[in-house]
Amino acid sequence: MNAEALSKCRYYSGEEDCPFSIDALRHYWDLERLYVAHDGELNKLQDELYTALGGKEFGGIPRALLIEMFTVYGKWLLEEAKKGGVEDAGKLLECLYMKMSTEEAKRMLG
């Protein structure tokens, strides 16, 4: 276990089972657990995307953990869009991935 990565966590302290019953805290605990398990390393592609989208830095949150939170939140938004009847959520993601212009994205989504 990476002691330096662990020292930056607010919710995970090395325990095997999550001590929280509130979903949001369980989610943060699990993200921090994964952050420590991967020695605080971050995915270079995710880092570049976060920077390209103008992602902000927050004091006290390690960049690798912040980027993982951003990635998980993006996945959650996509799933929520699908649940809400946005059938073309995949097309929206494709537009972002392909770096199309705003006008191209609007035309594609109709």
PDB file of N, CA and C in Angstrom:
ATOM      1  N   MET A   1       0.849  -1.179   0.000  1.00  0.00           N
ATOM      2  CA  MET A   1       0.000   0.000   0.000  1.00  0.00           C
ATOM      3  C   MET A   1       0.889   1.236   0.000  1.00  0.00           C
ATOM      4  N   ASN A   2       0.532   2.192  -0.818  1.00  0.00           N
ATOM      5  CA  ASN A   2       1.307   3.412  -0.958  1.00  0.00           C
ATOM      6  C   ASN A   2       0.935   4.391   0.171  1.00  0.00           C
ATOM      7  N   ALA A   3       1.851   4.564   1.120  1.00  0.00           N
ATOM      8  CA  ALA A   3       1.579   5.405   2.290  1.00  0.00           C
ATOM      9  C   ALA A   3       1.364   6.863   1.910  1.00  0.00           C
ATOM     10  N   GLU A   4       2.102   7.361   0.918  1.00  0.00           N
ATOM     11  CA  GLU A   4       1.938   8.756   0.504  1.00  0.00           C
ATOM     12  C   GLU A   4       0.548   8.974  -0.094  1.00  0.00           C
ATOM     13  N   ALA A   5       0.112   8.067  -0.983  1.00  0.00           N
ATOM     14  CA  ALA A   5      -1.225   8.176  -1.576  1.00  0.00           C
ATOM     15  C   ALA A   5      -2.286   8.063  -0.482  1.00  0.00           C
ATOM     16  N   LEU A   6      -2.097   7.143   0.439  1.00  0.00           N
ATOM     17  CA  LEU A   6      -3.057   6.940   1.522  1.00  0.00           C
ATOM     18  C   LEU A   6      -3.173   8.193   2.394  1.00  0.00           C
ATOM     19  N   SER A   7      -2.070   8.878   2.610  1.00  0.00           N
ATOM     20  CA  SER A   7      -2.085  10.069   3.470  1.00  0.00           C
ATOM     21  C   SER A   7      -2.909  11.212   2.866  1.00  0.00           C
ATOM     22  N   LYS A   8      -3.198  11.163   1.587  1.00  0.00           N
ATOM     23  CA  LYS A   8      -3.967  12.210   0.919  1.00  0.00           C
ATOM     24  C   LYS A   8      -5.465  11.919   0.889  1.00  0.00           C
ATOM     25  N   CYS A   9      -5.865  10.772   1.392  1.00  0.00           N
ATOM     26  CA  CYS A   9      -7.275  10.366   1.366  1.00  0.00           C
ATOM     27  C   CYS A   9      -8.045  10.932   2.545  1.00  0.00           C
ATOM     28  N   ARG A  10      -9.299  11.249   2.300  1.00  0.00           N
ATOM     29  CA  ARG A  10     -10.178  11.756   3.359  1.00  0.00           C
ATOM     30  C   ARG A  10     -11.099  10.668   3.900  1.00  0.00           C
ATOM     31  N   TYR A  11     -11.431   9.688   3.075  1.00  0.00           N
ATOM     32  CA  TYR A  11     -12.429   8.696   3.464  1.00  0.00           C
ATOM     33  C   TYR A  11     -11.860   7.286   3.598  1.00  0.00           C
ATOM     34  N   TYR A  12     -10.888   6.949   2.798  1.00  0.00           N
ATOM     35  CA  TYR A  12     -10.285   5.616   2.831  1.00  0.00           C
ATOM     36  C   TYR A  12      -9.045   5.654   3.717  1.00  0.00           C
ATOM     37  N   SER A  13      -8.984   4.720   4.658  1.00  0.00           N
ATOM     38  CA  SER A  13      -7.819   4.688   5.551  1.00  0.00           C
ATOM     39  C   SER A  13      -7.165   3.315   5.585  1.00  0.00           C
ATOM     40  N   GLY A  14      -7.380   2.525   4.531  1.00  0.00           N
ATOM     41  CA  GLY A  14      -6.713   1.238   4.426  1.00  0.00           C
ATOM     42  C   GLY A  14      -7.560   0.045   4.835  1.00  0.00           C
ATOM     43  N   GLU A  15      -8.761   0.282   5.311  1.00  0.00           N
ATOM     44  CA  GLU A  15      -9.625  -0.829   5.734  1.00  0.00           C
ATOM     45  C   GLU A  15     -10.110  -1.630   4.538  1.00  0.00           C
ATOM     46  N   GLU A  16     -10.449  -2.890   4.790  1.00  0.00           N
ATOM     47  CA  GLU A  16     -10.891  -3.778   3.713  1.00  0.00           C
ATOM     48  C   GLU A  16     -12.337  -3.515   3.312  1.00  0.00           C
ATOM     49  N   ASP A  17     -13.178  -3.194   4.279  1.00  0.00           N
ATOM     50  CA  ASP A  17     -14.596  -2.945   4.015  1.00  0.00           C
ATOM     51  C   ASP A  17     -14.935  -1.483   4.277  1.00  0.00           C
ATOM     52  N   CYS A  18     -15.804  -0.963   3.451  1.00  0.00           N
ATOM     53  CA  CYS A  18     -16.219   0.426   3.582  1.00  0.00           C
ATOM     54  C   CYS A  18     -17.046   0.616   4.862  1.00  0.00           C
ATOM     55  N   PRO A  19     -16.681   1.592   5.695  1.00  0.00           N
ATOM     56  CA  PRO A  19     -17.420   1.817   6.939  1.00  0.00           C
ATOM     57  C   PRO A  19     -18.632   2.742   6.782  1.00  0.00           C
ATOM     58  N   PHE A  20     -18.859   3.274   5.586  1.00  0.00           N
ATOM     59  CA  PHE A  20     -19.923   4.257   5.388  1.00  0.00           C
ATOM     60  C   PHE A  20     -21.204   3.622   4.869  1.00  0.00           C
ATOM     61  N   SER A  21     -22.328   4.199   5.283  1.00  0.00           N
ATOM     62  CA  SER A  21     -23.625   3.718   4.793  1.00  0.00           C
ATOM     63  C   SER A  21     -24.231   4.676   3.777  1.00  0.00           C
ATOM     64  N   ILE A  22     -23.748   5.903   3.720  1.00  0.00           N
ATOM     65  CA  ILE A  22     -24.247   6.906   2.773  1.00  0.00           C
ATOM     66  C   ILE A  22     -23.588   6.663   1.413  1.00  0.00           C
ATOM     67  N   ASP A  23     -24.413   6.561   0.374  1.00  0.00           N
ATOM     68  CA  ASP A  23     -23.907   6.213  -0.965  1.00  0.00           C
ATOM     69  C   ASP A  23     -22.784   7.120  -1.443  1.00  0.00           C
ATOM     70  N   ALA A  24     -22.935   8.425  -1.284  1.00  0.00           N
ATOM     71  CA  ALA A  24     -21.903   9.349  -1.765  1.00  0.00           C
ATOM     72  C   ALA A  24     -20.568   9.090  -1.075  1.00  0.00           C
ATOM     73  N   LEU A  25     -20.607   8.857   0.229  1.00  0.00           N
ATOM     74  CA  LEU A  25     -19.370   8.588   0.966  1.00  0.00           C
ATOM     75  C   LEU A  25     -18.784   7.241   0.581  1.00  0.00           C
ATOM     76  N   ARG A  26     -19.647   6.263   0.323  1.00  0.00           N
ATOM     77  CA  ARG A  26     -19.170   4.950  -0.134  1.00  0.00           C
ATOM     78  C   ARG A  26     -18.461   5.103  -1.479  1.00  0.00           C
ATOM     79  N   HIS A  27     -19.001   5.956  -2.325  1.00  0.00           N
ATOM     80  CA  HIS A  27     -18.427   6.201  -3.647  1.00  0.00           C
ATOM     81  C   HIS A  27     -17.042   6.842  -3.509  1.00  0.00           C
ATOM     82  N   TYR A  28     -16.936   7.881  -2.676  1.00  0.00           N
ATOM     83  CA  TYR A  28     -15.638   8.535  -2.469  1.00  0.00           C
ATOM     84  C   TYR A  28     -14.633   7.563  -1.841  1.00  0.00           C
ATOM     85  N   TRP A  29     -15.090   6.763  -0.891  1.00  0.00           N
ATOM     86  CA  TRP A  29     -14.232   5.768  -0.252  1.00  0.00           C
ATOM     87  C   TRP A  29     -13.662   4.819  -1.302  1.00  0.00           C
ATOM     88  N   ASP A  30     -14.518   4.355  -2.203  1.00  0.00           N
ATOM     89  CA  ASP A  30     -14.079   3.398  -3.218  1.00  0.00           C
ATOM     90  C   ASP A  30     -13.111   4.047  -4.213  1.00  0.00           C
ATOM     91  N   LEU A  31     -13.372   5.279  -4.616  1.00  0.00           N
ATOM     92  CA  LEU A  31     -12.444   5.978  -5.511  1.00  0.00           C
ATOM     93  C   LEU A  31     -11.073   6.131  -4.854  1.00  0.00           C
ATOM     94  N   GLU A  32     -11.068   6.494  -3.579  1.00  0.00           N
ATOM     95  CA  GLU A  32      -9.801   6.634  -2.865  1.00  0.00           C
ATOM     96  C   GLU A  32      -9.102   5.285  -2.702  1.00  0.00           C
ATOM     97  N   ARG A  33      -9.874   4.238  -2.469  1.00  0.00           N
ATOM     98  CA  ARG A  33      -9.289   2.891  -2.361  1.00  0.00           C
ATOM     99  C   ARG A  33      -8.568   2.528  -3.659  1.00  0.00           C
ATOM    100  N   LEU A  34      -9.211   2.808  -4.789  1.00  0.00           N
ATOM    101  CA  LEU A  34      -8.592   2.528  -6.085  1.00  0.00           C
ATOM    102  C   LEU A  34      -7.372   3.420  -6.320  1.00  0.00           C
ATOM    103  N   TYR A  35      -7.468   4.663  -5.905  1.00  0.00           N
ATOM    104  CA  TYR A  35      -6.349   5.599  -6.027  1.00  0.00           C
ATOM    105  C   TYR A  35      -5.121   5.051  -5.295  1.00  0.00           C
ATOM    106  N   VAL A  36      -5.316   4.574  -4.083  1.00  0.00           N
ATOM    107  CA  VAL A  36      -4.211   4.013  -3.290  1.00  0.00           C
ATOM    108  C   VAL A  36      -3.717   2.714  -3.915  1.00  0.00           C
ATOM    109  N   ALA A  37      -4.651   1.881  -4.357  1.00  0.00           N
ATOM    110  CA  ALA A  37      -4.277   0.588  -4.957  1.00  0.00           C
ATOM    111  C   ALA A  37      -3.410   0.771  -6.202  1.00  0.00           C
ATOM    112  N   HIS A  38      -3.576   1.893  -6.891  1.00  0.00           N
ATOM    113  CA  HIS A  38      -2.785   2.175  -8.092  1.00  0.00           C
ATOM    114  C   HIS A  38      -1.641   3.144  -7.805  1.00  0.00           C
ATOM    115  N   ASP A  39      -1.264   3.238  -6.537  1.00  0.00           N
ATOM    116  CA  ASP A  39      -0.118   4.046  -6.110  1.00  0.00           C
ATOM    117  C   ASP A  39      -0.209   5.512  -6.521  1.00  0.00           C
ATOM    118  N   GLY A  40      -1.426   6.035  -6.636  1.00  0.00           N
ATOM    119  CA  GLY A  40      -1.611   7.441  -6.964  1.00  0.00           C
ATOM    120  C   GLY A  40      -1.269   7.792  -8.401  1.00  0.00           C
ATOM    121  N   GLU A  41      -1.101   6.775  -9.242  1.00  0.00           N
ATOM    122  CA  GLU A  41      -0.781   7.020 -10.657  1.00  0.00           C
ATOM    123  C   GLU A  41      -2.033   7.481 -11.381  1.00  0.00           C
ATOM    124  N   LEU A  42      -1.860   8.294 -12.404  1.00  0.00           N
ATOM    125  CA  LEU A  42      -3.009   8.723 -13.176  1.00  0.00           C
ATOM    126  C   LEU A  42      -2.852   8.325 -14.633  1.00  0.00           C
ATOM    127  N   ASN A  43      -3.964   8.187 -15.281  1.00  0.00           N
ATOM    128  CA  ASN A  43      -4.012   7.811 -16.683  1.00  0.00           C
ATOM    129  C   ASN A  43      -3.680   9.046 -17.516  1.00  0.00           C
ATOM    130  N   LYS A  44      -2.648   8.964 -18.338  1.00  0.00           N
ATOM    131  CA  LYS A  44      -2.201  10.120 -19.120  1.00  0.00           C
ATOM    132  C   LYS A  44      -3.293  10.652 -20.048  1.00  0.00           C
ATOM    133  N   LEU A  45      -4.045   9.764 -20.685  1.00  0.00           N
ATOM    134  CA  LEU A  45      -5.103  10.201 -21.588  1.00  0.00           C
ATOM    135  C   LEU A  45      -6.181  10.966 -20.826  1.00  0.00           C
ATOM    136  N   GLN A  46      -6.578  10.451 -19.671  1.00  0.00           N
ATOM    137  CA  GLN A  46      -7.578  11.140 -18.861  1.00  0.00           C
ATOM    138  C   GLN A  46      -7.043  12.499 -18.412  1.00  0.00           C
ATOM    139  N   ASP A  47      -5.775  12.556 -18.081  1.00  0.00           N
ATOM    140  CA  ASP A  47      -5.141  13.804 -17.656  1.00  0.00           C
ATOM    141  C   ASP A  47      -5.215  14.838 -18.783  1.00  0.00           C
ATOM    142  N   GLU A  48      -4.872  14.417 -19.993  1.00  0.00           N
ATOM    143  CA  GLU A  48      -4.897  15.326 -21.138  1.00  0.00           C
ATOM    144  C   GLU A  48      -6.313  15.815 -21.427  1.00  0.00           C
ATOM    145  N   LEU A  49      -7.292  14.926 -21.333  1.00  0.00           N
ATOM    146  CA  LEU A  49      -8.684  15.296 -21.569  1.00  0.00           C
ATOM    147  C   LEU A  49      -9.153  16.296 -20.516  1.00  0.00           C
ATOM    148  N   TYR A  50      -8.828  16.021 -19.262  1.00  0.00           N
ATOM    149  CA  TYR A  50      -9.222  16.919 -18.175  1.00  0.00           C
ATOM    150  C   TYR A  50      -8.648  18.322 -18.407  1.00  0.00           C
ATOM    151  N   THR A  51      -7.401  18.381 -18.814  1.00  0.00           N
ATOM    152  CA  THR A  51      -6.744  19.662 -19.096  1.00  0.00           C
ATOM    153  C   THR A  51      -7.405  20.341 -20.288  1.00  0.00           C
ATOM    154  N   ALA A  52      -7.661  19.581 -21.363  1.00  0.00           N
ATOM    155  CA  ALA A  52      -8.265  20.140 -22.577  1.00  0.00           C
ATOM    156  C   ALA A  52      -9.658  20.707 -22.315  1.00  0.00           C
ATOM    157  N   LEU A  53     -10.394  20.114 -21.384  1.00  0.00           N
ATOM    158  CA  LEU A  53     -11.741  20.578 -21.064  1.00  0.00           C
ATOM    159  C   LEU A  53     -11.744  21.701 -20.031  1.00  0.00           C
ATOM    160  N   GLY A  54     -10.549  22.148 -19.643  1.00  0.00           N
ATOM    161  CA  GLY A  54     -10.463  23.252 -18.697  1.00  0.00           C
ATOM    162  C   GLY A  54     -10.712  22.839 -17.264  1.00  0.00           C
ATOM    163  N   GLY A  55     -10.411  21.575 -16.939  1.00  0.00           N
ATOM    164  CA  GLY A  55     -10.618  21.072 -15.581  1.00  0.00           C
ATOM    165  C   GLY A  55      -9.853  21.890 -14.558  1.00  0.00           C
ATOM    166  N   LYS A  56     -10.463  22.092 -13.422  1.00  0.00           N
ATOM    167  CA  LYS A  56      -9.881  22.915 -12.364  1.00  0.00           C
ATOM    168  C   LYS A  56      -9.125  22.046 -11.366  1.00  0.00           C
ATOM    169  N   GLU A  57      -8.233  22.685 -10.645  1.00  0.00           N
ATOM    170  CA  GLU A  57      -7.521  22.034  -9.549  1.00  0.00           C
ATOM    171  C   GLU A  57      -8.213  22.430  -8.248  1.00  0.00           C
ATOM    172  N   PHE A  58      -8.298  21.513  -7.323  1.00  0.00           N
ATOM    173  CA  PHE A  58      -8.896  21.786  -6.024  1.00  0.00           C
ATOM    174  C   PHE A  58      -7.879  21.426  -4.955  1.00  0.00           C
ATOM    175  N   GLY A  59      -7.540  22.373  -4.128  1.00  0.00           N
ATOM    176  CA  GLY A  59      -6.570  22.131  -3.070  1.00  0.00           C
ATOM    177  C   GLY A  59      -6.993  20.974  -2.180  1.00  0.00           C
ATOM    178  N   GLY A  60      -6.064  20.105  -1.887  1.00  0.00           N
ATOM    179  CA  GLY A  60      -6.351  18.979  -1.004  1.00  0.00           C
ATOM    180  C   GLY A  60      -6.827  17.730  -1.718  1.00  0.00           C
ATOM    181  N   ILE A  61      -7.119  17.826  -3.005  1.00  0.00           N
ATOM    182  CA  ILE A  61      -7.521  16.636  -3.773  1.00  0.00           C
ATOM    183  C   ILE A  61      -6.406  16.341  -4.765  1.00  0.00           C
ATOM    184  N   PRO A  62      -5.734  15.209  -4.624  1.00  0.00           N
ATOM    185  CA  PRO A  62      -4.671  14.864  -5.574  1.00  0.00           C
ATOM    186  C   PRO A  62      -5.208  14.827  -7.001  1.00  0.00           C
ATOM    187  N   ARG A  63      -4.424  15.310  -7.954  1.00  0.00           N
ATOM    188  CA  ARG A  63      -4.866  15.402  -9.345  1.00  0.00           C
ATOM    189  C   ARG A  63      -5.354  14.055  -9.883  1.00  0.00           C
ATOM    190  N   ALA A  64      -4.654  12.985  -9.596  1.00  0.00           N
ATOM    191  CA  ALA A  64      -5.064  11.672 -10.100  1.00  0.00           C
ATOM    192  C   ALA A  64      -6.445  11.289  -9.583  1.00  0.00           C
ATOM    193  N   LEU A  65      -6.719  11.577  -8.332  1.00  0.00           N
ATOM    194  CA  LEU A  65      -8.021  11.269  -7.751  1.00  0.00           C
ATOM    195  C   LEU A  65      -9.091  12.185  -8.336  1.00  0.00           C
ATOM    196  N   LEU A  66      -8.767  13.444  -8.515  1.00  0.00           N
ATOM    197  CA  LEU A  66      -9.701  14.397  -9.112  1.00  0.00           C
ATOM    198  C   LEU A  66     -10.093  13.967 -10.525  1.00  0.00           C
ATOM    199  N   ILE A  67      -9.122  13.530 -11.291  1.00  0.00           N
ATOM    200  CA  ILE A  67      -9.391  13.092 -12.662  1.00  0.00           C
ATOM    201  C   ILE A  67     -10.250  11.834 -12.668  1.00  0.00           C
ATOM    202  N   GLU A  68     -10.010  10.936 -11.737  1.00  0.00           N
ATOM    203  CA  GLU A  68     -10.838   9.721 -11.650  1.00  0.00           C
ATOM    204  C   GLU A  68     -12.274  10.092 -11.298  1.00  0.00           C
ATOM    205  N   MET A  69     -12.450  11.045 -10.392  1.00  0.00           N
ATOM    206  CA  MET A  69     -13.799  11.511 -10.037  1.00  0.00           C
ATOM    207  C   MET A  69     -14.483  12.106 -11.265  1.00  0.00           C
ATOM    208  N   PHE A  70     -13.763  12.896 -12.024  1.00  0.00           N
ATOM    209  CA  PHE A  70     -14.284  13.508 -13.241  1.00  0.00           C
ATOM    210  C   PHE A  70     -14.724  12.437 -14.239  1.00  0.00           C
ATOM    211  N   THR A  71     -13.891  11.408 -14.406  1.00  0.00           N
ATOM    212  CA  THR A  71     -14.193  10.332 -15.352  1.00  0.00           C
ATOM    213  C   THR A  71     -15.442   9.567 -14.921  1.00  0.00           C
ATOM    214  N   VAL A  72     -15.515   9.239 -13.647  1.00  0.00           N
ATOM    215  CA  VAL A  72     -16.680   8.505 -13.131  1.00  0.00           C
ATOM    216  C   VAL A  72     -17.938   9.358 -13.271  1.00  0.00           C
ATOM    217  N   TYR A  73     -17.826  10.652 -12.995  1.00  0.00           N
ATOM    218  CA  TYR A  73     -18.976  11.540 -13.120  1.00  0.00           C
ATOM    219  C   TYR A  73     -19.449  11.613 -14.572  1.00  0.00           C
ATOM    220  N   GLY A  74     -18.508  11.667 -15.504  1.00  0.00           N
ATOM    221  CA  GLY A  74     -18.870  11.674 -16.921  1.00  0.00           C
ATOM    222  C   GLY A  74     -19.619  10.413 -17.322  1.00  0.00           C
ATOM    223  N   LYS A  75     -19.164   9.271 -16.837  1.00  0.00           N
ATOM    224  CA  LYS A  75     -19.853   8.005 -17.126  1.00  0.00           C
ATOM    225  C   LYS A  75     -21.252   8.014 -16.528  1.00  0.00           C
ATOM    226  N   TRP A  76     -21.369   8.537 -15.318  1.00  0.00           N
ATOM    227  CA  TRP A  76     -22.669   8.610 -14.656  1.00  0.00           C
ATOM    228  C   TRP A  76     -23.621   9.515 -15.444  1.00  0.00           C
ATOM    229  N   LEU A  77     -23.126  10.678 -15.906  1.00  0.00           N
ATOM    230  CA  LEU A  77     -23.968  11.586 -16.693  1.00  0.00           C
ATOM    231  C   LEU A  77     -24.486  10.919 -17.954  1.00  0.00           C
ATOM    232  N   LEU A  78     -23.630  10.158 -18.611  1.00  0.00           N
ATOM    233  CA  LEU A  78     -24.036   9.459 -19.827  1.00  0.00           C
ATOM    234  C   LEU A  78     -25.138   8.446 -19.520  1.00  0.00           C
ATOM    235  N   GLU A  79     -24.985   7.705 -18.426  1.00  0.00           N
ATOM    236  CA  GLU A  79     -26.012   6.728 -18.041  1.00  0.00           C
ATOM    237  C   GLU A  79     -27.323   7.418 -17.674  1.00  0.00           C
ATOM    238  N   GLU A  80     -27.234   8.538 -16.963  1.00  0.00           N
ATOM    239  CA  GLU A  80     -28.437   9.279 -16.595  1.00  0.00           C
ATOM    240  C   GLU A  80     -29.135   9.839 -17.837  1.00  0.00           C
ATOM    241  N   ALA A  81     -28.365  10.274 -18.812  1.00  0.00           N
ATOM    242  CA  ALA A  81     -28.948  10.776 -20.060  1.00  0.00           C
ATOM    243  C   ALA A  81     -29.718   9.668 -20.755  1.00  0.00           C
ATOM    244  N   LYS A  82     -29.156   8.477 -20.767  1.00  0.00           N
ATOM    245  CA  LYS A  82     -29.834   7.339 -21.398  1.00  0.00           C
ATOM    246  C   LYS A  82     -31.115   7.005 -20.647  1.00  0.00           C
ATOM    247  N   LYS A  83     -31.083   7.029 -19.316  1.00  0.00           N
ATOM    248  CA  LYS A  83     -32.272   6.732 -18.511  1.00  0.00           C
ATOM    249  C   LYS A  83     -33.363   7.770 -18.749  1.00  0.00           C
ATOM    250  N   GLY A  84     -32.940   9.003 -18.983  1.00  0.00           N
ATOM    251  CA  GLY A  84     -33.884  10.095 -19.167  1.00  0.00           C
ATOM    252  C   GLY A  84     -34.453  10.168 -20.568  1.00  0.00           C
ATOM    253  N   GLY A  85     -34.146   9.197 -21.402  1.00  0.00           N
ATOM    254  CA  GLY A  85     -34.717   9.161 -22.735  1.00  0.00           C
ATOM    255  C   GLY A  85     -33.884   9.838 -23.792  1.00  0.00           C
ATOM    256  N   VAL A  86     -32.683  10.227 -23.472  1.00  0.00           N
ATOM    257  CA  VAL A  86     -31.817  10.828 -24.485  1.00  0.00           C
ATOM    258  C   VAL A  86     -31.192   9.685 -25.271  1.00  0.00           C
ATOM    259  N   GLU A  87     -31.866   9.317 -26.345  1.00  0.00           N
ATOM    260  CA  GLU A  87     -31.434   8.152 -27.112  1.00  0.00           C
ATOM    261  C   GLU A  87     -30.128   8.392 -27.850  1.00  0.00           C
ATOM    262  N   ASP A  88     -29.821   9.650 -28.113  1.00  0.00           N
ATOM    263  CA  ASP A  88     -28.617   9.958 -28.861  1.00  0.00           C
ATOM    264  C   ASP A  88     -27.448  10.354 -27.964  1.00  0.00           C
ATOM    265  N   ALA A  89     -27.477   9.895 -26.705  1.00  0.00           N
ATOM    266  CA  ALA A  89     -26.374  10.208 -25.797  1.00  0.00           C
ATOM    267  C   ALA A  89     -25.066   9.666 -26.349  1.00  0.00           C
ATOM    268  N   GLY A  90     -25.116   8.539 -27.010  1.00  0.00           N
ATOM    269  CA  GLY A  90     -23.916   7.973 -27.628  1.00  0.00           C
ATOM    270  C   GLY A  90     -23.387   8.873 -28.731  1.00  0.00           C
ATOM    271  N   LYS A  91     -24.300   9.487 -29.491  1.00  0.00           N
ATOM    272  CA  LYS A  91     -23.873  10.412 -30.544  1.00  0.00           C
ATOM    273  C   LYS A  91     -23.214  11.644 -29.933  1.00  0.00           C
ATOM    274  N   LEU A  92     -23.764  12.096 -28.800  1.00  0.00           N
ATOM    275  CA  LEU A  92     -23.165  13.238 -28.121  1.00  0.00           C
ATOM    276  C   LEU A  92     -21.741  12.902 -27.689  1.00  0.00           C
ATOM    277  N   LEU A  93     -21.556  11.730 -27.113  1.00  0.00           N
ATOM    278  CA  LEU A  93     -20.225  11.298 -26.694  1.00  0.00           C
ATOM    279  C   LEU A  93     -19.298  11.192 -27.896  1.00  0.00           C
ATOM    280  N   GLU A  94     -19.821  10.667 -28.994  1.00  0.00           N
ATOM    281  CA  GLU A  94     -19.022  10.557 -30.213  1.00  0.00           C
ATOM    282  C   GLU A  94     -18.581  11.939 -30.695  1.00  0.00           C
ATOM    283  N   CYS A  95     -19.480  12.925 -30.603  1.00  0.00           N
ATOM    284  CA  CYS A  95     -19.138  14.291 -31.002  1.00  0.00           C
ATOM    285  C   CYS A  95     -17.995  14.825 -30.153  1.00  0.00           C
ATOM    286  N   LEU A  96     -18.079  14.607 -28.860  1.00  0.00           N
ATOM    287  CA  LEU A  96     -17.033  15.089 -27.973  1.00  0.00           C
ATOM    288  C   LEU A  96     -15.720  14.368 -28.259  1.00  0.00           C
ATOM    289  N   TYR A  97     -15.816  13.080 -28.453  1.00  0.00           N
ATOM    290  CA  TYR A  97     -14.618  12.276 -28.694  1.00  0.00           C
ATOM    291  C   TYR A  97     -13.951  12.676 -30.009  1.00  0.00           C
ATOM    292  N   MET A  98     -14.761  12.903 -31.004  1.00  0.00           N
ATOM    293  CA  MET A  98     -14.233  13.224 -32.326  1.00  0.00           C
ATOM    294  C   MET A  98     -13.810  14.691 -32.421  1.00  0.00           C
ATOM    295  N   LYS A  99     -14.076  15.461 -31.366  1.00  0.00           N
ATOM    296  CA  LYS A  99     -13.715  16.878 -31.312  1.00  0.00           C
ATOM    297  C   LYS A  99     -14.371  17.678 -32.441  1.00  0.00           C
ATOM    298  N   MET A 100     -15.623  17.339 -32.700  1.00  0.00           N
ATOM    299  CA  MET A 100     -16.351  18.083 -33.728  1.00  0.00           C
ATOM    300  C   MET A 100     -16.646  19.483 -33.226  1.00  0.00           C
ATOM    301  N   SER A 101     -16.903  20.367 -34.154  1.00  0.00           N
ATOM    302  CA  SER A 101     -17.283  21.716 -33.774  1.00  0.00           C
ATOM    303  C   SER A 101     -18.685  21.675 -33.181  1.00  0.00           C
ATOM    304  N   THR A 102     -19.031  22.732 -32.472  1.00  0.00           N
ATOM    305  CA  THR A 102     -20.356  22.829 -31.869  1.00  0.00           C
ATOM    306  C   THR A 102     -21.440  22.732 -32.928  1.00  0.00           C
ATOM    307  N   GLU A 103     -21.239  23.393 -34.050  1.00  0.00           N
ATOM    308  CA  GLU A 103     -22.240  23.355 -35.124  1.00  0.00           C
ATOM    309  C   GLU A 103     -22.404  21.952 -35.687  1.00  0.00           C
ATOM    310  N   GLU A 104     -21.313  21.242 -35.864  1.00  0.00           N
ATOM    311  CA  GLU A 104     -21.387  19.853 -36.346  1.00  0.00           C
ATOM    312  C   GLU A 104     -22.132  18.988 -35.340  1.00  0.00           C
ATOM    313  N   ALA A 105     -21.862  19.192 -34.064  1.00  0.00           N
ATOM    314  CA  ALA A 105     -22.534  18.405 -33.029  1.00  0.00           C
ATOM    315  C   ALA A 105     -24.031  18.671 -33.036  1.00  0.00           C
ATOM    316  N   LYS A 106     -24.422  19.947 -33.147  1.00  0.00           N
ATOM    317  CA  LYS A 106     -25.841  20.283 -33.182  1.00  0.00           C
ATOM    318  C   LYS A 106     -26.537  19.659 -34.372  1.00  0.00           C
ATOM    319  N   ARG A 107     -25.906  19.689 -35.547  1.00  0.00           N
ATOM    320  CA  ARG A 107     -26.510  19.071 -36.741  1.00  0.00           C
ATOM    321  C   ARG A 107     -26.660  17.568 -36.540  1.00  0.00           C
ATOM    322  N   MET A 108     -25.665  16.919 -35.962  1.00  0.00           N
ATOM    323  CA  MET A 108     -25.702  15.472 -35.782  1.00  0.00           C
ATOM    324  C   MET A 108     -26.813  15.056 -34.823  1.00  0.00           C
ATOM    325  N   LEU A 109     -27.035  15.871 -33.788  1.00  0.00           N
ATOM    326  CA  LEU A 109     -28.062  15.554 -32.794  1.00  0.00           C
ATOM    327  C   LEU A 109     -29.455  15.973 -33.250  1.00  0.00           C
ATOM    328  N   GLY A 110     -29.509  16.694 -34.356  1.00  0.00           N
ATOM    329  CA  GLY A 110     -30.814  17.073 -34.907  1.00  0.00           C
ATOM    330  C   GLY A 110     -31.353  18.256 -34.217  1.00  0.00           C
TER     331      GLY A 110
END
